């Protein structure tokens, strides 16, 4: 079973609130994700940002006219969001919630659910099934889900890279297990803790089995992954080249090879 205390402990020290503004990788992820959300979200929708941290997407979407409920496992991140509520003209509703139990929300309450975090951590199939069943329950018919995940090859190779930088977190058995099952258990208390890395086929089947029709699966940053800092330097010096590169990233983002090997990916599904 997922050790949720370890997950919460990680987010007590990791600067999740500023992750999308402090680096080129975060800036590119945010830009691509917001464009995707604006494409698929209904106008002035009621949105559940489940696992939304301190509200990196919640507050901008609220400013766009959506009615947003932010829910996260981490009491610390929700506290940070509540502080931001006091400083904004577009507040969001904030709840401490585990993604496998949405009992405080009504059936068919939301037009869209952003699931942009929990699937990184849920180790057990039963937990993932329970989470997606709950997402289906709280969505209106025809509602949209956006679910980010770290694909199997990206995540597994990332664990190898983690050994080179932080050998105390990874041993030979850790590497064998993540390549065998997609499950990662950090051996230390520092760094990203428990993680699950599925293939895109697994994600599509997970949602299909709970009544969703796939609309899109794509890499978020595409071939811009690990080139983000250079990309944003290009934007300042040669904006026309930057625009072409962004167009090409979007044009190739659904290629399966890119989905599986270029960092975070997203599933967009519609409740049947």
Protein backbone atom coordinates (compact mmCIF):
# COMPACT_ATOMS: atom_id res chain seq x y z
CA UNK A 1 0.00 0.00 0.00
CA UNK A 2 1.09 3.57 -0.61
CA UNK A 3 2.64 5.15 2.48
CA UNK A 4 0.84 8.48 2.39
CA UNK A 5 2.82 9.81 5.34
CA UNK A 6 6.02 9.49 3.28
CA UNK A 7 4.35 11.27 0.37
CA UNK A 8 3.21 14.12 2.63
CA UNK A 9 6.67 14.30 4.18
CA UNK A 10 8.21 14.87 0.76
CA UNK A 11 5.89 17.79 0.01
CA UNK A 12 6.61 19.38 3.38
CA UNK A 13 10.15 20.12 2.20
CA UNK A 14 9.83 20.25 -1.61
CA UNK A 15 8.92 23.68 -3.03
CA UNK A 16 5.91 22.50 -5.01
CA UNK A 17 4.31 25.94 -4.93
CA UNK A 18 7.08 27.47 -7.05
CA UNK A 19 8.06 24.41 -9.11
CA UNK A 20 6.46 25.76 -12.27
CA UNK A 21 8.09 29.21 -12.10
CA UNK A 22 11.61 28.55 -10.84
CA UNK A 23 13.03 26.74 -13.87
CA UNK A 24 12.69 26.40 -17.61
CA UNK A 25 11.29 22.88 -17.20
CA UNK A 26 8.53 24.17 -14.95
CA UNK A 27 7.77 27.11 -17.22
CA UNK A 28 7.43 24.87 -20.28
CA UNK A 29 5.25 22.37 -18.41
CA UNK A 30 2.98 25.15 -17.19
CA UNK A 31 2.70 26.79 -20.61
CA UNK A 32 1.87 23.51 -22.37
CA UNK A 33 -0.56 22.38 -19.66
CA UNK A 34 -2.46 25.67 -19.55
CA UNK A 35 -2.84 25.66 -23.34
CA UNK A 36 -4.22 22.12 -23.12
CA UNK A 37 -6.60 23.00 -20.30
CA UNK A 38 -7.92 26.04 -22.14
CA UNK A 39 -8.55 23.88 -25.21
CA UNK A 40 -10.58 21.23 -23.38
CA UNK A 41 -12.24 22.97 -20.42
CA UNK A 42 -15.81 24.24 -20.73
CA UNK A 43 -16.35 27.95 -20.29
CA UNK A 44 -16.84 28.94 -16.65
CA UNK A 45 -16.79 25.33 -15.49
CA UNK A 46 -16.84 23.86 -12.01
CA UNK A 47 -13.43 22.23 -11.57
CA UNK A 48 -11.91 19.89 -8.99
CA UNK A 49 -8.12 20.28 -8.92
CA UNK A 50 -7.36 16.97 -7.20
CA UNK A 51 -3.80 16.68 -5.97
CA UNK A 52 -3.32 20.28 -7.06
CA UNK A 53 -0.70 21.14 -4.45
CA UNK A 54 -0.69 24.82 -3.47
CA UNK A 55 -2.84 25.78 -6.44
CA UNK A 56 -0.42 26.41 -9.32
CA UNK A 57 -3.27 25.75 -11.75
CA UNK A 58 -6.23 26.45 -9.46
CA UNK A 59 -5.66 30.18 -9.08
CA UNK A 60 -5.03 30.96 -12.77
CA UNK A 61 -8.11 28.94 -13.73
CA UNK A 62 -10.18 30.78 -11.12
CA UNK A 63 -8.95 34.05 -12.64
CA UNK A 64 -10.20 32.76 -16.04
CA UNK A 65 -13.73 32.51 -14.60
CA UNK A 66 -13.89 28.91 -13.42
CA UNK A 67 -15.23 27.89 -10.02
CA UNK A 68 -12.34 25.86 -8.61
CA UNK A 69 -12.07 23.48 -5.69
CA UNK A 70 -8.48 22.65 -4.76
CA UNK A 71 -7.96 19.34 -2.97
CA UNK A 72 -4.65 17.88 -1.83
CA UNK A 73 -3.30 15.27 0.58
CA UNK A 74 -0.75 17.71 2.01
CA UNK A 75 -1.91 19.91 4.86
CA UNK A 76 1.14 22.12 4.27
CA UNK A 77 0.32 22.78 0.61
CA UNK A 78 -3.31 23.52 1.42
CA UNK A 79 -2.12 25.94 4.11
CA UNK A 80 -0.04 27.72 1.46
CA UNK A 81 -3.08 27.89 -0.82
CA UNK A 82 -5.20 29.35 1.97
CA UNK A 83 -2.57 32.05 2.44
CA UNK A 84 -2.76 32.87 -1.27
CA UNK A 85 -6.54 33.03 -1.00
CA UNK A 86 -6.11 36.02 1.29
CA UNK A 87 -4.08 37.85 -1.36
CA UNK A 88 -6.12 37.22 -4.50
CA UNK A 89 -9.31 38.52 -6.04
CA UNK A 90 -10.03 35.00 -7.34
CA UNK A 91 -10.11 32.68 -4.31
CA UNK A 92 -10.57 28.93 -4.56
CA UNK A 93 -12.16 26.45 -2.18
CA UNK A 94 -9.47 24.45 -0.37
CA UNK A 95 -9.80 20.95 1.12
CA UNK A 96 -7.38 18.39 2.55
CA UNK A 97 -8.36 15.23 0.66
CA UNK A 98 -6.89 11.84 -0.18
CA UNK A 99 -7.47 11.11 -3.88
CA UNK A 100 -8.81 7.63 -3.12
CA UNK A 101 -11.69 9.05 -1.02
CA UNK A 102 -13.77 11.88 -2.47
CA UNK A 103 -16.76 11.19 -0.21
CA UNK A 104 -17.11 14.85 0.75
CA UNK A 105 -18.08 15.67 -2.85
CA UNK A 106 -21.46 14.95 -4.43
CA UNK A 107 -22.15 12.70 -7.39
CA UNK A 108 -21.92 14.55 -10.73
CA UNK A 109 -20.71 17.73 -9.05
CA UNK A 110 -17.89 18.84 -11.39
CA UNK A 111 -17.51 19.64 -15.07
CA UNK A 112 -13.83 18.67 -15.00
CA UNK A 113 -11.29 17.01 -12.71
CA UNK A 114 -7.59 17.80 -12.85
CA UNK A 115 -5.72 14.73 -11.63
CA UNK A 116 -2.26 16.20 -12.04
CA UNK A 117 -0.37 14.51 -9.22
CA UNK A 118 -1.98 11.50 -7.50
CA UNK A 119 -1.14 8.95 -10.21
CA UNK A 120 2.56 9.59 -9.61
CA UNK A 121 2.22 8.06 -6.16
CA UNK A 122 -0.51 5.39 -6.01
CA UNK A 123 1.43 2.11 -5.89
CA UNK A 124 -1.45 -0.38 -5.74
CA UNK A 125 -3.86 -1.16 -8.55
CA UNK A 126 -6.70 -1.17 -6.03
CA UNK A 127 -5.82 2.41 -5.04
CA UNK A 128 -5.70 3.57 -8.65
CA UNK A 129 -9.01 1.86 -9.37
CA UNK A 130 -10.61 3.47 -6.33
CA UNK A 131 -9.27 6.89 -7.30
CA UNK A 132 -10.53 6.76 -10.89
CA UNK A 133 -13.90 5.34 -9.82
CA UNK A 134 -14.29 8.30 -7.47
CA UNK A 135 -13.27 10.74 -10.22
CA UNK A 136 -15.94 9.22 -12.45
CA UNK A 137 -18.55 9.52 -9.69
CA UNK A 138 -18.00 13.23 -9.04
CA UNK A 139 -17.88 14.16 -12.74
CA UNK A 140 -20.97 15.19 -14.65
CA UNK A 141 -21.85 13.09 -17.72
CA UNK A 142 -19.55 14.19 -20.51
CA UNK A 143 -17.13 15.69 -17.98
CA UNK A 144 -13.42 15.88 -18.70
CA UNK A 145 -10.52 14.43 -16.72
CA UNK A 146 -6.90 15.54 -17.14
CA UNK A 147 -4.56 12.97 -15.61
CA UNK A 148 -0.80 13.36 -15.62
CA UNK A 149 1.53 10.40 -15.21
CA UNK A 150 5.22 9.59 -15.45
CA UNK A 151 5.58 6.94 -18.17
CA UNK A 152 7.30 3.64 -17.48
CA UNK A 153 10.48 4.18 -19.51
CA UNK A 154 10.95 7.77 -18.36
CA UNK A 155 10.43 6.82 -14.73
CA UNK A 156 12.53 3.67 -14.78
CA UNK A 157 15.48 5.31 -16.51
CA UNK A 158 15.06 8.20 -14.10
CA UNK A 159 15.64 5.81 -11.20
CA UNK A 160 18.93 4.78 -12.81
CA UNK A 161 19.89 8.46 -13.04
CA UNK A 162 18.84 8.88 -9.41
CA UNK A 163 21.41 6.25 -8.40
CA UNK A 164 24.18 8.28 -10.03
CA UNK A 165 23.18 11.43 -8.14
CA UNK A 166 21.82 9.96 -4.91
CA UNK A 167 23.07 6.38 -4.43
CA UNK A 168 21.67 6.27 -0.90
CA UNK A 169 18.16 6.30 -2.42
CA UNK A 170 18.59 3.41 -4.87
CA UNK A 171 20.19 -0.04 -4.88
CA UNK A 172 20.29 -2.93 -7.36
CA UNK A 173 16.96 -4.33 -6.17
CA UNK A 174 15.30 -0.90 -6.50
CA UNK A 175 16.35 -0.76 -10.14
CA UNK A 176 15.23 -4.33 -10.83
CA UNK A 177 11.85 -3.70 -9.22
CA UNK A 178 11.07 -0.48 -11.08
CA UNK A 179 11.89 -2.10 -14.43
CA UNK A 180 9.86 -5.19 -13.46
CA UNK A 181 6.73 -3.52 -12.07
CA UNK A 182 6.96 0.24 -12.52
CA UNK A 183 7.03 0.67 -8.72
CA UNK A 184 9.65 2.83 -7.03
CA UNK A 185 10.36 2.87 -3.29
CA UNK A 186 12.98 5.36 -2.17
CA UNK A 187 15.42 3.80 0.33
CA UNK A 188 16.00 7.16 2.03
CA UNK A 189 13.68 9.75 3.53
CA UNK A 190 15.03 12.52 1.28
CA UNK A 191 13.91 13.07 -2.31
CA UNK A 192 10.86 11.89 -4.25
CA UNK A 193 9.38 9.03 -2.28
CA UNK A 194 6.99 6.33 -3.52
CA UNK A 195 6.19 6.38 -7.22
CA UNK A 196 4.41 4.38 -9.91
CA UNK A 197 5.38 4.49 -13.59
CA UNK A 198 2.78 3.03 -16.00
CA UNK A 199 2.85 2.68 -19.76
CA UNK A 200 0.42 4.80 -21.74
CA UNK A 201 -1.51 1.59 -22.54
CA UNK A 202 -1.96 0.93 -18.82
CA UNK A 203 -3.29 4.45 -18.29
CA UNK A 204 -5.71 4.19 -21.20
CA UNK A 205 -7.02 0.83 -19.94
CA UNK A 206 -7.34 2.14 -16.37
CA UNK A 207 -9.63 4.94 -17.47
CA UNK A 208 -11.48 2.86 -20.07
CA UNK A 209 -12.36 0.30 -17.39
CA UNK A 210 -13.95 3.07 -15.33
CA UNK A 211 -16.12 4.53 -18.06
CA UNK A 212 -13.91 7.07 -19.81
CA UNK A 213 -13.34 7.59 -23.52
CA UNK A 214 -9.82 8.68 -24.43
CA UNK A 215 -9.61 12.05 -26.12
CA UNK A 216 -5.85 12.44 -26.13
CA UNK A 217 -2.61 11.09 -24.68
CA UNK A 218 0.43 13.29 -25.17
CA UNK A 219 3.76 14.19 -23.71
CA UNK A 220 3.50 17.48 -21.86
CA UNK A 221 6.91 18.92 -22.73
CA UNK A 222 7.56 16.62 -25.71
CA UNK A 223 11.04 16.79 -27.20
CA UNK A 224 11.51 20.01 -25.23
CA UNK A 225 12.12 17.77 -22.22
CA UNK A 226 15.59 18.41 -20.77
CA UNK A 227 16.07 21.21 -23.34
CA UNK A 228 13.91 23.71 -21.51
CA UNK A 229 16.59 26.13 -20.34
CA UNK A 230 18.00 26.42 -23.86
CA UNK A 231 14.51 26.88 -25.28
CA UNK A 232 13.79 29.85 -23.08
CA UNK A 233 17.15 31.41 -23.87
CA UNK A 234 16.20 31.08 -27.54
CA UNK A 235 12.86 32.76 -26.83
CA UNK A 236 14.65 35.91 -25.70
CA UNK A 237 17.11 35.97 -28.60
CA UNK A 238 15.16 34.48 -31.50
CA UNK A 239 11.43 34.40 -30.70
CA UNK A 240 10.48 33.21 -34.19
CA UNK A 241 12.63 30.08 -33.75
CA UNK A 242 11.13 29.51 -30.29
CA UNK A 243 7.62 29.65 -31.78
CA UNK A 244 8.55 27.14 -34.48
CA UNK A 245 10.01 24.77 -31.86
CA UNK A 246 6.87 25.00 -29.73
CA UNK A 247 4.77 24.24 -32.80
CA UNK A 248 6.92 21.18 -33.56
CA UNK A 249 6.79 20.01 -29.94
CA UNK A 250 3.01 20.13 -30.10
CA UNK A 251 2.93 18.47 -33.54
CA UNK A 252 4.90 15.45 -32.29
CA UNK A 253 3.71 15.26 -28.68
CA UNK A 254 1.33 12.34 -29.33
CA UNK A 255 4.00 10.17 -30.96
CA UNK A 256 4.22 7.07 -28.78
CA UNK A 257 8.04 7.12 -28.60
CA UNK A 258 7.93 10.69 -27.30
CA UNK A 259 5.09 9.97 -24.86
CA UNK A 260 7.02 7.10 -23.29
CA UNK A 261 10.45 8.72 -23.06
CA UNK A 262 10.06 12.50 -22.70
CA UNK A 263 9.04 13.18 -19.13
CA UNK A 264 5.55 13.81 -17.81
CA UNK A 265 2.59 12.85 -19.99
CA UNK A 266 -1.13 13.56 -19.78
CA UNK A 267 -4.28 11.57 -20.48
CA UNK A 268 -7.40 13.52 -21.44
CA UNK A 269 -10.61 11.54 -21.12
CA UNK A 270 -14.33 12.16 -21.25
CA UNK A 271 -16.86 10.48 -18.98
CA UNK A 272 -19.04 8.36 -21.24
